[in-house]
Amino acid sequence: MNTNGNFIGYGGLVHIAWEHRRAEVSFLLETKLSGTKSDYDSYFPNFLAMIKILAFNHLGFDRICTETYAIRKQYILIL
């Protein structure tokens, strides 16, 4: 990801099981931005929208999944 030319995080599909057409979603954001209003309102939802297009429309996956901690309630709401 880039904002104003600065690297702020990364994400992608990991633990890909091509034969089952599924993968796990990974998303890591710079600590200063993680858990902020910008993260919840823009960064994470936009990333998820893009990764779903990639996974389902371009790679033909049937399922994607992820894990998070129970204390990350805002992320769970977004997911």
PDB file of N, CA and C in Angstrom:
ATOM      1  N   MET A   1       0.832  -1.184   0.000  1.00  0.00           N
ATOM      2  CA  MET A   1       0.000   0.000   0.000  1.00  0.00           C
ATOM      3  C   MET A   1       0.875   1.244   0.000  1.00  0.00           C
ATOM      4  N   ASN A   2       0.378   2.283  -0.600  1.00  0.00           N
ATOM      5  CA  ASN A   2       1.061   3.561  -0.613  1.00  0.00           C
ATOM      6  C   ASN A   2       0.067   4.669  -0.311  1.00  0.00           C
ATOM      7  N   THR A   3       0.519   5.637   0.434  1.00  0.00           N
ATOM      8  CA  THR A   3      -0.238   6.863   0.631  1.00  0.00           C
ATOM      9  C   THR A   3       0.779   7.994   0.600  1.00  0.00           C
ATOM     10  N   ASN A   4       0.597   8.917  -0.275  1.00  0.00           N
ATOM     11  CA  ASN A   4       1.560  10.005  -0.454  1.00  0.00           C
ATOM     12  C   ASN A   4       2.960   9.473  -0.697  1.00  0.00           C
ATOM     13  N   GLY A   5       3.060   8.331  -1.366  1.00  0.00           N
ATOM     14  CA  GLY A   5       4.361   7.763  -1.693  1.00  0.00           C
ATOM     15  C   GLY A   5       5.049   7.030  -0.566  1.00  0.00           C
ATOM     16  N   ASN A   6       4.364   6.831   0.560  1.00  0.00           N
ATOM     17  CA  ASN A   6       4.966   6.147   1.705  1.00  0.00           C
ATOM     18  C   ASN A   6       4.398   4.743   1.862  1.00  0.00           C
ATOM     19  N   PHE A   7       5.270   3.802   2.148  1.00  0.00           N
ATOM     20  CA  PHE A   7       4.847   2.439   2.416  1.00  0.00           C
ATOM     21  C   PHE A   7       4.195   2.401   3.787  1.00  0.00           C
ATOM     22  N   ILE A   8       2.957   1.877   3.860  1.00  0.00           N
ATOM     23  CA  ILE A   8       2.249   1.867   5.138  1.00  0.00           C
ATOM     24  C   ILE A   8       1.855   0.460   5.586  1.00  0.00           C
ATOM     25  N   GLY A   9       2.027  -0.528   4.748  1.00  0.00           N
ATOM     26  CA  GLY A   9       1.667  -1.885   5.129  1.00  0.00           C
ATOM     27  C   GLY A   9       1.639  -2.794   3.923  1.00  0.00           C
ATOM     28  N   TYR A  10       1.222  -4.005   4.166  1.00  0.00           N
ATOM     29  CA  TYR A  10       1.113  -4.961   3.073  1.00  0.00           C
ATOM     30  C   TYR A  10       0.124  -6.053   3.436  1.00  0.00           C
ATOM     31  N   GLY A  11      -0.299  -6.774   2.436  1.00  0.00           N
ATOM     32  CA  GLY A  11      -1.215  -7.878   2.643  1.00  0.00           C
ATOM     33  C   GLY A  11      -1.261  -8.745   1.410  1.00  0.00           C
ATOM     34  N   GLY A  12      -1.909  -9.862   1.552  1.00  0.00           N
ATOM     35  CA  GLY A  12      -2.022 -10.765   0.421  1.00  0.00           C
ATOM     36  C   GLY A  12      -2.685 -12.059   0.807  1.00  0.00           C
ATOM     37  N   LEU A  13      -2.562 -13.028  -0.071  1.00  0.00           N
ATOM     38  CA  LEU A  13      -3.107 -14.355   0.151  1.00  0.00           C
ATOM     39  C   LEU A  13      -1.963 -15.287   0.519  1.00  0.00           C
ATOM     40  N   VAL A  14      -2.146 -16.030   1.589  1.00  0.00           N
ATOM     41  CA  VAL A  14      -1.123 -16.960   2.071  1.00  0.00           C
ATOM     42  C   VAL A  14      -1.771 -18.325   2.291  1.00  0.00           C
ATOM     43  N   HIS A  15      -0.946 -19.312   2.558  1.00  0.00           N
ATOM     44  CA  HIS A  15      -1.428 -20.681   2.795  1.00  0.00           C
ATOM     45  C   HIS A  15      -2.430 -21.083   1.706  1.00  0.00           C
ATOM     46  N   ILE A  16      -2.034 -20.863   0.477  1.00  0.00           N
ATOM     47  CA  ILE A  16      -2.907 -21.122  -0.664  1.00  0.00           C
ATOM     48  C   ILE A  16      -3.011 -22.629  -0.905  1.00  0.00           C
ATOM     49  N   ALA A  17      -4.232 -23.108  -1.019  1.00  0.00           N
ATOM     50  CA  ALA A  17      -4.503 -24.504  -1.371  1.00  0.00           C
ATOM     51  C   ALA A  17      -5.155 -24.499  -2.754  1.00  0.00           C
ATOM     52  N   TRP A  18      -4.321 -24.531  -3.782  1.00  0.00           N
ATOM     53  CA  TRP A  18      -4.823 -24.434  -5.151  1.00  0.00           C
ATOM     54  C   TRP A  18      -5.807 -25.546  -5.480  1.00  0.00           C
ATOM     55  N   GLU A  19      -5.529 -26.750  -4.995  1.00  0.00           N
ATOM     56  CA  GLU A  19      -6.400 -27.876  -5.320  1.00  0.00           C
ATOM     57  C   GLU A  19      -7.796 -27.730  -4.703  1.00  0.00           C
ATOM     58  N   HIS A  20      -7.898 -26.958  -3.623  1.00  0.00           N
ATOM     59  CA  HIS A  20      -9.190 -26.715  -2.973  1.00  0.00           C
ATOM     60  C   HIS A  20      -9.732 -25.316  -3.256  1.00  0.00           C
ATOM     61  N   ARG A  21      -8.969 -24.535  -4.011  1.00  0.00           N
ATOM     62  CA  ARG A  21      -9.329 -23.168  -4.401  1.00  0.00           C
ATOM     63  C   ARG A  21      -9.686 -22.304  -3.202  1.00  0.00           C
ATOM     64  N   ARG A  22      -8.757 -22.273  -2.235  1.00  0.00           N
ATOM     65  CA  ARG A  22      -8.951 -21.433  -1.049  1.00  0.00           C
ATOM     66  C   ARG A  22      -7.609 -20.897  -0.577  1.00  0.00           C
ATOM     67  N   ALA A  23      -7.685 -19.819   0.240  1.00  0.00           N
ATOM     68  CA  ALA A  23      -6.476 -19.191   0.771  1.00  0.00           C
ATOM     69  C   ALA A  23      -6.823 -18.410   2.027  1.00  0.00           C
ATOM     70  N   GLU A  24      -5.786 -18.056   2.762  1.00  0.00           N
ATOM     71  CA  GLU A  24      -5.934 -17.228   3.958  1.00  0.00           C
ATOM     72  C   GLU A  24      -5.505 -15.804   3.621  1.00  0.00           C
ATOM     73  N   VAL A  25      -6.203 -14.837   4.184  1.00  0.00           N
ATOM     74  CA  VAL A  25      -5.897 -13.423   3.964  1.00  0.00           C
ATOM     75  C   VAL A  25      -4.952 -12.944   5.065  1.00  0.00           C
ATOM     76  N   SER A  26      -3.919 -12.235   4.656  1.00  0.00           N
ATOM     77  CA  SER A  26      -2.970 -11.637   5.589  1.00  0.00           C
ATOM     78  C   SER A  26      -2.952 -10.129   5.359  1.00  0.00           C
ATOM     79  N   PHE A  27      -2.960  -9.348   6.438  1.00  0.00           N
ATOM     80  CA  PHE A  27      -2.949  -7.888   6.335  1.00  0.00           C
ATOM     81  C   PHE A  27      -2.158  -7.327   7.501  1.00  0.00           C
ATOM     82  N   LEU A  28      -1.141  -6.560   7.194  1.00  0.00           N
ATOM     83  CA  LEU A  28      -0.316  -5.917   8.220  1.00  0.00           C
ATOM     84  C   LEU A  28      -0.168  -4.447   7.882  1.00  0.00           C
ATOM     85  N   LEU A  29      -0.425  -3.602   8.869  1.00  0.00           N
ATOM     86  CA  LEU A  29      -0.387  -2.156   8.680  1.00  0.00           C
ATOM     87  C   LEU A  29       0.613  -1.560   9.654  1.00  0.00           C
ATOM     88  N   GLU A  30       1.248  -0.479   9.242  1.00  0.00           N
ATOM     89  CA  GLU A  30       2.189   0.208  10.119  1.00  0.00           C
ATOM     90  C   GLU A  30       1.551   0.442  11.485  1.00  0.00           C
ATOM     91  N   THR A  31       2.305   0.198  12.537  1.00  0.00           N
ATOM     92  CA  THR A  31       1.792   0.256  13.908  1.00  0.00           C
ATOM     93  C   THR A  31       1.106   1.578  14.213  1.00  0.00           C
ATOM     94  N   LYS A  32       1.655   2.688  13.734  1.00  0.00           N
ATOM     95  CA  LYS A  32       1.054   4.006  14.018  1.00  0.00           C
ATOM     96  C   LYS A  32      -0.338   4.141  13.403  1.00  0.00           C
ATOM     97  N   LEU A  33      -0.621   3.409  12.343  1.00  0.00           N
ATOM     98  CA  LEU A  33      -1.908   3.503  11.657  1.00  0.00           C
ATOM     99  C   LEU A  33      -2.875   2.396  12.062  1.00  0.00           C
ATOM    100  N   SER A  34      -2.346   1.298  12.531  1.00  0.00           N
ATOM    101  CA  SER A  34      -3.175   0.154  12.904  1.00  0.00           C
ATOM    102  C   SER A  34      -4.106   0.512  14.059  1.00  0.00           C
ATOM    103  N   GLY A  35      -5.378   0.215  13.879  1.00  0.00           N
ATOM    104  CA  GLY A  35      -6.355   0.491  14.923  1.00  0.00           C
ATOM    105  C   GLY A  35      -6.862   1.920  14.967  1.00  0.00           C
ATOM    106  N   THR A  36      -6.529   2.726  13.957  1.00  0.00           N
ATOM    107  CA  THR A  36      -6.995   4.115  13.909  1.00  0.00           C
ATOM    108  C   THR A  36      -8.303   4.208  13.119  1.00  0.00           C
ATOM    109  N   LYS A  37      -8.931   5.363  13.164  1.00  0.00           N
ATOM    110  CA  LYS A  37     -10.152   5.595  12.392  1.00  0.00           C
ATOM    111  C   LYS A  37      -9.886   5.390  10.903  1.00  0.00           C
ATOM    112  N   SER A  38      -8.732   5.848  10.405  1.00  0.00           N
ATOM    113  CA  SER A  38      -8.390   5.652   8.990  1.00  0.00           C
ATOM    114  C   SER A  38      -8.285   4.177   8.645  1.00  0.00           C
ATOM    115  N   ASP A  39      -7.748   3.409   9.568  1.00  0.00           N
ATOM    116  CA  ASP A  39      -7.629   1.970   9.351  1.00  0.00           C
ATOM    117  C   ASP A  39      -9.006   1.351   9.224  1.00  0.00           C
ATOM    118  N   TYR A  40      -9.877   1.631  10.182  1.00  0.00           N
ATOM    119  CA  TYR A  40     -11.204   1.032  10.198  1.00  0.00           C
ATOM    120  C   TYR A  40     -12.100   1.542   9.072  1.00  0.00           C
ATOM    121  N   ASP A  41     -11.971   2.810   8.731  1.00  0.00           N
ATOM    122  CA  ASP A  41     -12.840   3.409   7.716  1.00  0.00           C
ATOM    123  C   ASP A  41     -12.338   3.221   6.293  1.00  0.00           C
ATOM    124  N   SER A  42     -11.034   3.054   6.114  1.00  0.00           N
ATOM    125  CA  SER A  42     -10.494   3.053   4.758  1.00  0.00           C
ATOM    126  C   SER A  42      -9.519   1.914   4.475  1.00  0.00           C
ATOM    127  N   TYR A  43      -8.408   1.878   5.194  1.00  0.00           N
ATOM    128  CA  TYR A  43      -7.338   0.946   4.834  1.00  0.00           C
ATOM    129  C   TYR A  43      -7.796  -0.507   4.805  1.00  0.00           C
ATOM    130  N   PHE A  44      -8.325  -1.000   5.900  1.00  0.00           N
ATOM    131  CA  PHE A  44      -8.704  -2.403   5.980  1.00  0.00           C
ATOM    132  C   PHE A  44      -9.884  -2.731   5.062  1.00  0.00           C
ATOM    133  N   PRO A  45     -10.978  -1.947   5.073  1.00  0.00           N
ATOM    134  CA  PRO A  45     -12.085  -2.263   4.153  1.00  0.00           C
ATOM    135  C   PRO A  45     -11.670  -2.207   2.681  1.00  0.00           C
ATOM    136  N   ASN A  46     -10.852  -1.224   2.300  1.00  0.00           N
ATOM    137  CA  ASN A  46     -10.410  -1.136   0.906  1.00  0.00           C
ATOM    138  C   ASN A  46      -9.530  -2.317   0.535  1.00  0.00           C
ATOM    139  N   PHE A  47      -8.644  -2.707   1.449  1.00  0.00           N
ATOM    140  CA  PHE A  47      -7.805  -3.876   1.195  1.00  0.00           C
ATOM    141  C   PHE A  47      -8.673  -5.117   0.993  1.00  0.00           C
ATOM    142  N   LEU A  48      -9.652  -5.326   1.872  1.00  0.00           N
ATOM    143  CA  LEU A  48     -10.520  -6.498   1.748  1.00  0.00           C
ATOM    144  C   LEU A  48     -11.290  -6.495   0.432  1.00  0.00           C
ATOM    145  N   ALA A  49     -11.770  -5.344   0.020  1.00  0.00           N
ATOM    146  CA  ALA A  49     -12.487  -5.254  -1.258  1.00  0.00           C
ATOM    147  C   ALA A  49     -11.584  -5.662  -2.416  1.00  0.00           C
ATOM    148  N   MET A  50     -10.353  -5.189  -2.409  1.00  0.00           N
ATOM    149  CA  MET A  50      -9.417  -5.529  -3.488  1.00  0.00           C
ATOM    150  C   MET A  50      -9.010  -6.997  -3.454  1.00  0.00           C
ATOM    151  N   ILE A  51      -8.764  -7.533  -2.261  1.00  0.00           N
ATOM    152  CA  ILE A  51      -8.310  -8.923  -2.168  1.00  0.00           C
ATOM    153  C   ILE A  51      -9.435  -9.881  -2.557  1.00  0.00           C
ATOM    154  N   LYS A  52     -10.696  -9.501  -2.297  1.00  0.00           N
ATOM    155  CA  LYS A  52     -11.817 -10.345  -2.723  1.00  0.00           C
ATOM    156  C   LYS A  52     -11.934 -10.384  -4.244  1.00  0.00           C
ATOM    157  N   ILE A  53     -11.737  -9.248  -4.889  1.00  0.00           N
ATOM    158  CA  ILE A  53     -11.759  -9.218  -6.360  1.00  0.00           C
ATOM    159  C   ILE A  53     -10.656 -10.112  -6.905  1.00  0.00           C
ATOM    160  N   LEU A  54      -9.465  -9.987  -6.357  1.00  0.00           N
ATOM    161  CA  LEU A  54      -8.344 -10.816  -6.802  1.00  0.00           C
ATOM    162  C   LEU A  54      -8.641 -12.299  -6.589  1.00  0.00           C
ATOM    163  N   ALA A  55      -9.068 -12.646  -5.370  1.00  0.00           N
ATOM    164  CA  ALA A  55      -9.265 -14.054  -5.025  1.00  0.00           C
ATOM    165  C   ALA A  55     -10.398 -14.704  -5.827  1.00  0.00           C
ATOM    166  N   PHE A  56     -11.531 -14.042  -5.890  1.00  0.00           N
ATOM    167  CA  PHE A  56     -12.693 -14.668  -6.510  1.00  0.00           C
ATOM    168  C   PHE A  56     -12.781 -14.447  -8.016  1.00  0.00           C
ATOM    169  N   ASN A  57     -12.535 -13.240  -8.472  1.00  0.00           N
ATOM    170  CA  ASN A  57     -12.704 -12.935  -9.899  1.00  0.00           C
ATOM    171  C   ASN A  57     -11.497 -13.307 -10.747  1.00  0.00           C
ATOM    172  N   HIS A  58     -10.302 -13.139 -10.217  1.00  0.00           N
ATOM    173  CA  HIS A  58      -9.106 -13.369 -11.025  1.00  0.00           C
ATOM    174  C   HIS A  58      -8.471 -14.738 -10.790  1.00  0.00           C
ATOM    175  N   LEU A  59      -8.513 -15.224  -9.558  1.00  0.00           N
ATOM    176  CA  LEU A  59      -7.876 -16.503  -9.253  1.00  0.00           C
ATOM    177  C   LEU A  59      -8.871 -17.658  -9.177  1.00  0.00           C
ATOM    178  N   GLY A  60     -10.149 -17.356  -9.143  1.00  0.00           N
ATOM    179  CA  GLY A  60     -11.172 -18.388  -9.143  1.00  0.00           C
ATOM    180  C   GLY A  60     -11.304 -19.168  -7.844  1.00  0.00           C
ATOM    181  N   PHE A  61     -10.928 -18.548  -6.731  1.00  0.00           N
ATOM    182  CA  PHE A  61     -11.060 -19.225  -5.443  1.00  0.00           C
ATOM    183  C   PHE A  61     -12.529 -19.319  -5.041  1.00  0.00           C
ATOM    184  N   ASP A  62     -12.836 -20.332  -4.246  1.00  0.00           N
ATOM    185  CA  ASP A  62     -14.179 -20.507  -3.703  1.00  0.00           C
ATOM    186  C   ASP A  62     -14.284 -19.943  -2.300  1.00  0.00           C
ATOM    187  N   ARG A  63     -13.146 -19.863  -1.607  1.00  0.00           N
ATOM    188  CA  ARG A  63     -13.178 -19.481  -0.194  1.00  0.00           C
ATOM    189  C   ARG A  63     -11.888 -18.768   0.194  1.00  0.00           C
ATOM    190  N   ILE A  64     -12.053 -17.737   1.011  1.00  0.00           N
ATOM    191  CA  ILE A  64     -10.910 -17.124   1.681  1.00  0.00           C
ATOM    192  C   ILE A  64     -11.263 -17.035   3.169  1.00  0.00           C
ATOM    193  N   CYS A  65     -10.256 -17.053   4.004  1.00  0.00           N
ATOM    194  CA  CYS A  65     -10.477 -16.988   5.445  1.00  0.00           C
ATOM    195  C   CYS A  65      -9.374 -16.156   6.079  1.00  0.00           C
ATOM    196  N   THR A  66      -9.540 -15.842   7.337  1.00  0.00           N
ATOM    197  CA  THR A  66      -8.514 -15.147   8.095  1.00  0.00           C
ATOM    198  C   THR A  66      -8.743 -15.406   9.575  1.00  0.00           C
ATOM    199  N   GLU A  67      -7.788 -15.017  10.381  1.00  0.00           N
ATOM    200  CA  GLU A  67      -7.899 -15.115  11.832  1.00  0.00           C
ATOM    201  C   GLU A  67      -7.530 -13.771  12.434  1.00  0.00           C
ATOM    202  N   THR A  68      -8.125 -13.459  13.578  1.00  0.00           N
ATOM    203  CA  THR A  68      -7.754 -12.276  14.323  1.00  0.00           C
ATOM    204  C   THR A  68      -8.017 -12.538  15.804  1.00  0.00           C
ATOM    205  N   TYR A  69      -7.504 -11.671  16.628  1.00  0.00           N
ATOM    206  CA  TYR A  69      -7.711 -11.801  18.069  1.00  0.00           C
ATOM    207  C   TYR A  69      -9.065 -11.239  18.463  1.00  0.00           C
ATOM    208  N   ALA A  70      -9.679 -11.820  19.489  1.00  0.00           N
ATOM    209  CA  ALA A  70     -10.999 -11.390  19.958  1.00  0.00           C
ATOM    210  C   ALA A  70     -11.008  -9.941  20.425  1.00  0.00           C
ATOM    211  N   ILE A  71      -9.857  -9.424  20.858  1.00  0.00           N
ATOM    212  CA  ILE A  71      -9.805  -8.037  21.322  1.00  0.00           C
ATOM    213  C   ILE A  71      -9.918  -7.030  20.177  1.00  0.00           C
ATOM    214  N   ARG A  72      -9.753  -7.481  18.951  1.00  0.00           N
ATOM    215  CA  ARG A  72      -9.850  -6.601  17.781  1.00  0.00           C
ATOM    216  C   ARG A  72     -11.283  -6.555  17.278  1.00  0.00           C
ATOM    217  N   LYS A  73     -12.166  -6.053  18.099  1.00  0.00           N
ATOM    218  CA  LYS A  73     -13.598  -6.063  17.813  1.00  0.00           C
ATOM    219  C   LYS A  73     -13.951  -5.282  16.553  1.00  0.00           C
ATOM    220  N   GLN A  74     -13.267  -4.180  16.296  1.00  0.00           N
ATOM    221  CA  GLN A  74     -13.569  -3.381  15.106  1.00  0.00           C
ATOM    222  C   GLN A  74     -13.208  -4.144  13.838  1.00  0.00           C
ATOM    223  N   TYR A  75     -12.092  -4.887  13.849  1.00  0.00           N
ATOM    224  CA  TYR A  75     -11.730  -5.699  12.705  1.00  0.00           C
ATOM    225  C   TYR A  75     -12.768  -6.789  12.469  1.00  0.00           C
ATOM    226  N   ILE A  76     -13.263  -7.382  13.549  1.00  0.00           N
ATOM    227  CA  ILE A  76     -14.261  -8.440  13.439  1.00  0.00           C
ATOM    228  C   ILE A  76     -15.535  -7.882  12.808  1.00  0.00           C
ATOM    229  N   LEU A  77     -15.934  -6.673  13.195  1.00  0.00           N
ATOM    230  CA  LEU A  77     -17.111  -6.052  12.576  1.00  0.00           C
ATOM    231  C   LEU A  77     -16.918  -5.847  11.074  1.00  0.00           C
ATOM    232  N   ILE A  78     -15.725  -5.444  10.680  1.00  0.00           N
ATOM    233  CA  ILE A  78     -15.430  -5.223   9.269  1.00  0.00           C
ATOM    234  C   ILE A  78     -15.441  -6.548   8.512  1.00  0.00           C
ATOM    235  N   LEU A  79     -14.847  -7.567   9.126  1.00  0.00           N
ATOM    236  CA  LEU A  79     -14.816  -8.884   8.481  1.00  0.00           C
ATOM    237  C   LEU A  79     -16.218  -9.439   8.328  1.00  0.00           C
TER     238      LEU A  79
END
